[in-house]
Amino acid sequence: MEAAAAFASKPSPPLHVAIIMDGNGRWAKARGLRRIVGHQQGAEAVRRTVKHCRELGVSYLTIYAFSSENWKRPPTEVDDLMGLMRLYLRRELDELVDAGVRMRFIGDRHRLPDDIIALVNQAEQRTRTSSGLTLTVALNYGGRREIVEAAQHLARDAAAGLLDPGDIDEKTFADRLATNGLPEPDLLIRTSGEQRISNFLLWQLAYTELVFIPAMWPDFTKQHLEDAINEFHRRERRYGASSG
């Protein structure tokens, strides 16, 4: 009875968790390994984290896989990252389908290799009716660019007479973002000790609770996730109002 009461009183997990997965390269460097090994271990951490989010009852998980600024990295590292994306999508898709995970991708796909675009489209198509965890992968994504594109869409509609500029409000704008249909993140986790959001979900993070942890992404565990969620529950979310 006591165990049942304790379970019933446990707060619900955040609906939507977003993660900036940072530290793969530094993890590898600290061990005298090539950066690709850090990225490989980071991919395993993604696999574990999807499983842990499902176990903890998180409904939406959004991960920052490749930013629009990451093209500035050495070509060999970019090639390695694209290779890992191919491997992950080919290796994990069947398991994600079986687990009821729905996949979404946000970001500019046009610069991606054709075969990765095909894999992304296939993943979305095969999981479109899944009703479990929604896993959103930000791939070649930049928050500023997303906002600019939303503004461009609204401007075109206004110029075409399809929209009165005076009717544009926050909801109208949010509906033009790549995350349309997703709730805003409740909790953002960034690993590796860095404390910035790096052009990630700039609009959507307006009232998100931010938790920064020192562990590098390849070392991210279920305990780290639970600790971040516990910290989230200790916060008082006032959305600009006073605490009374």
Protein backbone atom coordinates (compact mmCIF):
# COMPACT_ATOMS: atom_id res chain seq x y z
CA MET A 1 0.00 0.00 0.00
CA GLU A 2 2.80 2.43 0.88
CA ALA A 3 4.56 1.70 -2.42
CA ALA A 4 1.33 2.29 -4.34
CA ALA A 5 0.74 5.58 -2.52
CA ALA A 6 4.30 6.71 -3.22
CA PHE A 7 3.89 5.90 -6.91
CA ALA A 8 0.56 7.74 -7.07
CA SER A 9 2.10 10.84 -5.47
CA LYS A 10 5.09 10.91 -7.80
CA PRO A 11 4.86 13.97 -10.07
CA SER A 12 4.26 13.41 -13.76
CA PRO A 13 7.32 13.68 -15.98
CA PRO A 14 7.72 16.76 -18.18
CA LEU A 15 5.65 16.36 -21.31
CA HIS A 16 8.45 17.47 -23.63
CA VAL A 17 12.19 17.17 -23.02
CA ALA A 18 14.72 18.76 -25.39
CA ILE A 19 18.42 17.91 -25.30
CA ILE A 20 21.53 19.61 -26.64
CA MET A 21 23.87 16.63 -26.89
CA ASP A 22 27.27 18.21 -26.30
CA GLY A 23 30.72 16.83 -25.57
CA ASN A 24 31.32 13.93 -27.95
CA GLY A 25 34.59 15.34 -29.25
CA ARG A 26 35.93 16.28 -25.82
CA TRP A 27 34.94 12.85 -24.48
CA ALA A 28 37.06 11.23 -27.19
CA LYS A 29 39.98 13.64 -26.79
CA ALA A 30 40.15 13.00 -23.04
CA ARG A 31 40.62 9.30 -23.84
CA GLY A 32 43.11 9.76 -26.65
CA LEU A 33 40.58 8.57 -29.21
CA ARG A 34 39.47 9.92 -32.59
CA ARG A 35 36.46 12.26 -32.53
CA ILE A 36 34.41 9.74 -34.53
CA VAL A 37 34.59 7.36 -31.55
CA GLY A 38 33.00 10.05 -29.40
CA HIS A 39 30.24 10.50 -31.96
CA GLN A 40 29.71 6.74 -32.10
CA GLN A 41 29.33 6.59 -28.34
CA GLY A 42 27.05 9.62 -28.56
CA ALA A 43 24.79 7.68 -30.94
CA GLU A 44 24.59 4.91 -28.34
CA ALA A 45 23.61 7.52 -25.75
CA VAL A 46 20.75 8.59 -28.04
CA ARG A 47 19.57 5.01 -28.22
CA ARG A 48 19.62 4.68 -24.43
CA THR A 49 17.93 8.02 -23.87
CA VAL A 50 15.02 7.23 -26.19
CA LYS A 51 14.48 4.03 -24.19
CA HIS A 52 14.75 5.83 -20.86
CA CYS A 53 12.32 8.57 -21.89
CA ARG A 54 9.79 5.91 -22.84
CA GLU A 55 10.30 4.18 -19.50
CA LEU A 56 9.84 7.43 -17.56
CA GLY A 57 6.70 8.43 -19.44
CA VAL A 58 8.07 11.39 -21.42
CA SER A 59 5.81 11.99 -24.43
CA TYR A 60 8.09 14.15 -26.60
CA LEU A 61 11.87 14.12 -26.96
CA THR A 62 13.66 16.59 -29.24
CA ILE A 63 17.40 16.21 -29.85
CA TYR A 64 19.87 18.57 -31.52
CA ALA A 65 21.67 16.20 -33.86
CA PHE A 66 23.34 18.56 -36.36
CA SER A 67 23.16 22.33 -36.43
CA SER A 68 23.33 24.53 -39.50
CA GLU A 69 26.65 25.81 -38.08
CA ASN A 70 28.14 22.30 -37.90
CA TRP A 71 28.99 22.46 -41.61
CA LYS A 72 31.94 24.62 -40.51
CA ARG A 73 33.59 21.56 -38.97
CA PRO A 74 36.34 19.71 -40.89
CA PRO A 75 34.89 17.87 -43.91
CA THR A 76 36.07 14.51 -42.57
CA GLU A 77 34.14 15.05 -39.33
CA VAL A 78 31.01 16.13 -41.22
CA ASP A 79 31.31 12.98 -43.35
CA ASP A 80 31.65 10.88 -40.19
CA LEU A 81 28.54 12.49 -38.68
CA MET A 82 26.54 11.88 -41.84
CA GLY A 83 27.72 8.28 -41.84
CA LEU A 84 26.53 7.85 -38.28
CA MET A 85 23.15 9.31 -39.19
CA ARG A 86 22.85 6.75 -42.00
CA LEU A 87 23.83 3.94 -39.63
CA TYR A 88 21.42 5.05 -36.91
CA LEU A 89 18.44 5.36 -39.24
CA ARG A 90 19.11 2.01 -40.91
CA ARG A 91 19.88 0.13 -37.70
CA GLU A 92 17.32 1.59 -35.33
CA LEU A 93 14.26 2.20 -37.47
CA ASP A 94 12.73 -1.25 -37.11
CA GLU A 95 13.17 -1.10 -33.33
CA LEU A 96 11.64 2.38 -33.17
CA VAL A 97 8.67 1.19 -35.21
CA ASP A 98 8.19 -1.81 -32.91
CA ALA A 99 8.41 0.48 -29.85
CA GLY A 100 5.72 2.80 -31.20
CA VAL A 101 8.08 5.78 -31.52
CA ARG A 102 7.06 8.45 -34.00
CA MET A 103 9.92 10.24 -35.74
CA ARG A 104 9.95 13.83 -36.96
CA PHE A 105 12.79 15.82 -38.45
CA ILE A 106 13.15 19.58 -38.40
CA GLY A 107 15.72 21.65 -40.27
CA ASP A 108 16.70 22.28 -43.88
CA ARG A 109 16.94 18.94 -45.67
CA HIS A 110 18.07 20.32 -49.01
CA ARG A 111 21.76 20.42 -48.14
CA LEU A 112 21.77 16.85 -46.83
CA PRO A 113 22.99 13.96 -49.01
CA ASP A 114 20.22 12.43 -51.12
CA ASP A 115 20.39 9.06 -49.41
CA ILE A 116 19.98 10.62 -45.97
CA ILE A 117 16.98 12.62 -47.20
CA ALA A 118 15.49 9.34 -48.42
CA LEU A 119 16.15 7.69 -45.04
CA VAL A 120 14.61 10.65 -43.19
CA ASN A 121 11.50 10.52 -45.38
CA GLN A 122 11.25 6.78 -44.89
CA ALA A 123 11.54 7.09 -41.10
CA GLU A 124 8.77 9.68 -40.98
CA GLN A 125 6.57 7.66 -43.29
CA ARG A 126 6.98 4.37 -41.45
CA THR A 127 6.34 5.89 -38.02
CA ARG A 128 3.62 8.40 -38.93
CA THR A 129 0.84 6.41 -37.22
CA SER A 130 2.86 5.57 -34.09
CA SER A 131 1.25 6.83 -30.89
CA GLY A 132 4.07 6.46 -28.39
CA LEU A 133 7.01 8.79 -27.78
CA THR A 134 7.51 11.43 -30.48
CA LEU A 135 11.22 11.71 -31.26
CA THR A 136 12.05 14.92 -33.12
CA VAL A 137 15.53 15.15 -34.62
CA ALA A 138 16.89 18.63 -35.40
CA LEU A 139 19.07 17.99 -38.45
CA ASN A 140 20.78 20.86 -40.27
CA TYR A 141 18.69 23.07 -38.00
CA GLY A 142 19.13 26.67 -36.88
CA GLY A 143 16.67 28.54 -34.69
CA ARG A 144 17.21 31.93 -36.29
CA ARG A 145 16.70 30.49 -39.77
CA GLU A 146 13.52 28.80 -38.63
CA ILE A 147 12.13 32.13 -37.40
CA VAL A 148 13.14 33.92 -40.61
CA GLU A 149 11.41 31.26 -42.73
CA ALA A 150 8.24 31.54 -40.64
CA ALA A 151 8.25 35.33 -41.14
CA GLN A 152 8.78 34.86 -44.88
CA HIS A 153 5.79 32.51 -45.11
CA LEU A 154 3.57 34.99 -43.29
CA ALA A 155 4.81 37.86 -45.47
CA ARG A 156 4.04 35.94 -48.65
CA ASP A 157 0.53 35.13 -47.45
CA ALA A 158 -0.04 38.76 -46.48
CA ALA A 159 1.24 39.99 -49.86
CA ALA A 160 -1.10 37.55 -51.61
CA GLY A 161 -4.06 38.85 -49.64
CA LEU A 162 -4.50 35.57 -47.79
CA LEU A 163 -3.71 37.04 -44.40
CA ASP A 164 -4.31 40.37 -42.68
CA PRO A 165 -1.03 41.42 -41.01
CA GLY A 166 -3.07 42.69 -38.09
CA ASP A 167 -4.28 39.16 -37.43
CA ILE A 168 -0.78 37.77 -36.88
CA ASP A 169 -0.37 36.76 -33.26
CA GLU A 170 1.92 34.36 -31.39
CA LYS A 171 -0.15 31.32 -32.31
CA THR A 172 -0.27 32.29 -35.99
CA PHE A 173 3.50 32.67 -35.96
CA ALA A 174 4.10 29.41 -34.04
CA ASP A 175 1.95 27.55 -36.55
CA ARG A 176 4.49 28.43 -39.27
CA LEU A 177 7.45 27.03 -37.36
CA ALA A 178 8.91 23.60 -38.09
CA THR A 179 7.69 22.44 -34.67
CA ASN A 180 4.03 23.10 -35.50
CA GLY A 181 1.95 20.53 -33.66
CA LEU A 182 4.50 19.93 -30.90
CA PRO A 183 4.12 21.33 -27.40
CA GLU A 184 6.85 23.71 -26.31
CA PRO A 185 9.63 22.01 -24.34
CA ASP A 186 9.15 21.91 -20.58
CA LEU A 187 12.76 20.97 -19.90
CA LEU A 188 15.98 21.58 -21.83
CA ILE A 189 19.06 19.57 -20.87
CA ARG A 190 22.53 20.44 -22.12
CA THR A 191 25.45 18.19 -21.37
CA SER A 192 29.21 18.90 -21.07
CA GLY A 193 28.87 21.87 -18.69
CA GLU A 194 28.35 24.49 -21.40
CA GLN A 195 25.59 26.96 -20.51
CA ARG A 196 24.09 28.33 -23.70
CA ILE A 197 21.37 27.25 -26.13
CA SER A 198 23.39 27.57 -29.35
CA ASN A 199 20.65 28.65 -31.77
CA PHE A 200 18.35 25.79 -30.72
CA LEU A 201 14.56 26.28 -30.57
CA LEU A 202 14.88 30.00 -29.90
CA TRP A 203 11.15 30.69 -30.07
CA GLN A 204 10.05 27.50 -28.35
CA LEU A 205 12.32 27.81 -25.28
CA ALA A 206 10.76 31.06 -24.06
CA TYR A 207 9.54 29.50 -20.78
CA THR A 208 11.47 26.25 -20.74
CA GLU A 209 13.38 25.23 -17.62
CA LEU A 210 17.09 24.89 -18.42
CA VAL A 211 19.29 22.29 -16.74
CA PHE A 212 23.02 22.12 -17.48
CA ILE A 213 24.99 19.07 -16.42
CA PRO A 214 28.77 18.51 -16.49
CA ALA A 215 28.70 14.98 -17.94
CA MET A 216 29.72 14.60 -21.57
CA TRP A 217 26.97 13.29 -23.84
CA PRO A 218 28.44 9.78 -24.33
CA ASP A 219 28.28 9.34 -20.54
CA PHE A 220 24.64 10.45 -20.26
CA THR A 221 22.64 7.89 -18.26
CA LYS A 222 19.14 7.31 -17.01
CA GLN A 223 20.28 8.71 -13.66
CA HIS A 224 21.31 11.99 -15.31
CA LEU A 225 17.90 12.16 -16.98
CA GLU A 226 16.09 11.45 -13.71
CA ASP A 227 18.21 14.03 -11.87
CA ALA A 228 17.35 16.67 -14.49
CA ILE A 229 13.65 15.80 -14.22
CA ASN A 230 13.84 16.01 -10.42
CA GLU A 231 15.44 19.45 -10.74
CA PHE A 232 12.64 20.42 -13.11
CA HIS A 233 10.07 19.47 -10.47
CA ARG A 234 11.84 21.62 -7.88
CA ARG A 235 11.37 24.71 -10.07
CA GLU A 236 8.34 26.98 -9.78
CA ARG A 237 7.11 27.77 -13.28
CA ARG A 238 5.43 31.17 -13.13
CA TYR A 239 5.41 32.20 -16.83
CA GLY A 240 6.07 35.80 -15.88
CA ALA A 241 3.60 35.96 -12.99
CA SER A 242 4.58 36.57 -9.38
CA SER A 243 4.86 33.69 -6.92
CA GLY A 244 2.18 35.17 -4.69
